[in-house]
Amino acid sequence: MTNRVKVGGLEIAPELHDFVRQALAGTGVEERGFWASLQRIHEEFSTRNEQLLGKRDDLQSRIDSWW
């Protein structure tokens, strides 16, 4: 299994974690707050995103059948 950095309820690839840490340096945005906000966004939209991906797959399947 790939190594992950656990931040709150998220499991982040180490490369992304390091990138975000560097990107936030000097911005005044706290790393803990960034990850907490990202987790809230993920929790809020992941179910809807899965539904939309399912709808996209259905539409693509119907388009493929039509062609």
Protein backbone atom coordinates (compact mmCIF):
# COMPACT_ATOMS: atom_id res chain seq x y z
CA MET A 1 0.00 0.00 0.00
CA THR A 2 1.17 3.51 -0.76
CA ASN A 3 2.39 5.58 2.17
CA ARG A 4 -0.07 8.22 3.28
CA VAL A 5 0.09 11.15 5.67
CA LYS A 6 -2.95 11.17 7.97
CA VAL A 7 -4.31 14.67 8.52
CA GLY A 8 -7.59 14.70 10.44
CA GLY A 9 -9.86 12.31 8.58
CA LEU A 10 -7.91 12.58 5.34
CA GLU A 11 -5.12 10.36 4.07
CA ILE A 12 -2.86 12.42 1.81
CA ALA A 13 -0.08 11.33 -0.53
CA PRO A 14 3.20 12.54 0.95
CA GLU A 15 4.01 14.45 -2.24
CA LEU A 16 0.76 16.41 -2.08
CA HIS A 17 1.22 17.04 1.64
CA ASP A 18 4.73 18.43 1.06
CA PHE A 19 3.54 20.54 -1.89
CA VAL A 20 0.72 22.10 0.11
CA ARG A 21 3.05 22.81 3.00
CA GLN A 22 5.44 24.64 0.66
CA ALA A 23 2.63 26.43 -1.20
CA LEU A 24 1.12 27.74 2.04
CA ALA A 25 4.43 29.07 3.37
CA GLY A 26 4.21 32.83 3.74
CA THR A 27 0.53 33.06 2.78
CA GLY A 28 -0.83 33.40 6.30
CA VAL A 29 -3.04 30.33 5.75
CA GLU A 30 -2.53 27.79 8.51
CA GLU A 31 -1.87 24.27 7.32
CA ARG A 32 -4.25 22.77 9.88
CA GLY A 33 -7.04 25.08 8.74
CA PHE A 34 -6.39 24.28 5.08
CA TRP A 35 -6.70 20.53 5.62
CA ALA A 36 -9.77 20.95 7.85
CA SER A 37 -11.46 23.01 5.13
CA LEU A 38 -10.54 20.45 2.49
CA GLN A 39 -11.99 17.68 4.64
CA ARG A 40 -15.27 19.60 5.05
CA ILE A 41 -15.47 20.16 1.29
CA HIS A 42 -14.82 16.47 0.67
CA GLU A 43 -17.48 15.42 3.16
CA GLU A 44 -20.02 17.85 1.71
CA PHE A 45 -19.56 17.04 -1.96
CA SER A 46 -18.24 13.47 -2.26
CA THR A 47 -21.68 11.82 -2.28
CA ARG A 48 -23.02 14.23 -4.90
CA ASN A 49 -19.86 13.83 -6.96
CA GLU A 50 -20.29 10.03 -6.98
CA GLN A 51 -23.89 10.46 -8.13
CA LEU A 52 -22.84 12.76 -10.94
CA LEU A 53 -20.08 10.39 -12.05
CA GLY A 54 -22.67 7.60 -12.19
CA LYS A 55 -24.94 9.76 -14.31
CA ARG A 56 -22.03 10.60 -16.61
CA ASP A 57 -21.26 6.89 -17.02
CA ASP A 58 -24.90 6.19 -17.85
CA LEU A 59 -25.04 8.98 -20.42
CA GLN A 60 -21.76 7.86 -21.98
CA SER A 61 -23.03 4.32 -22.22
CA ARG A 62 -26.21 5.50 -23.93
CA ILE A 63 -24.20 7.65 -26.35
CA ASP A 64 -21.90 4.72 -27.15
CA SER A 65 -24.93 2.47 -27.82
CA TRP A 66 -26.50 5.08 -30.07
CA TRP A 67 -23.35 5.41 -32.18
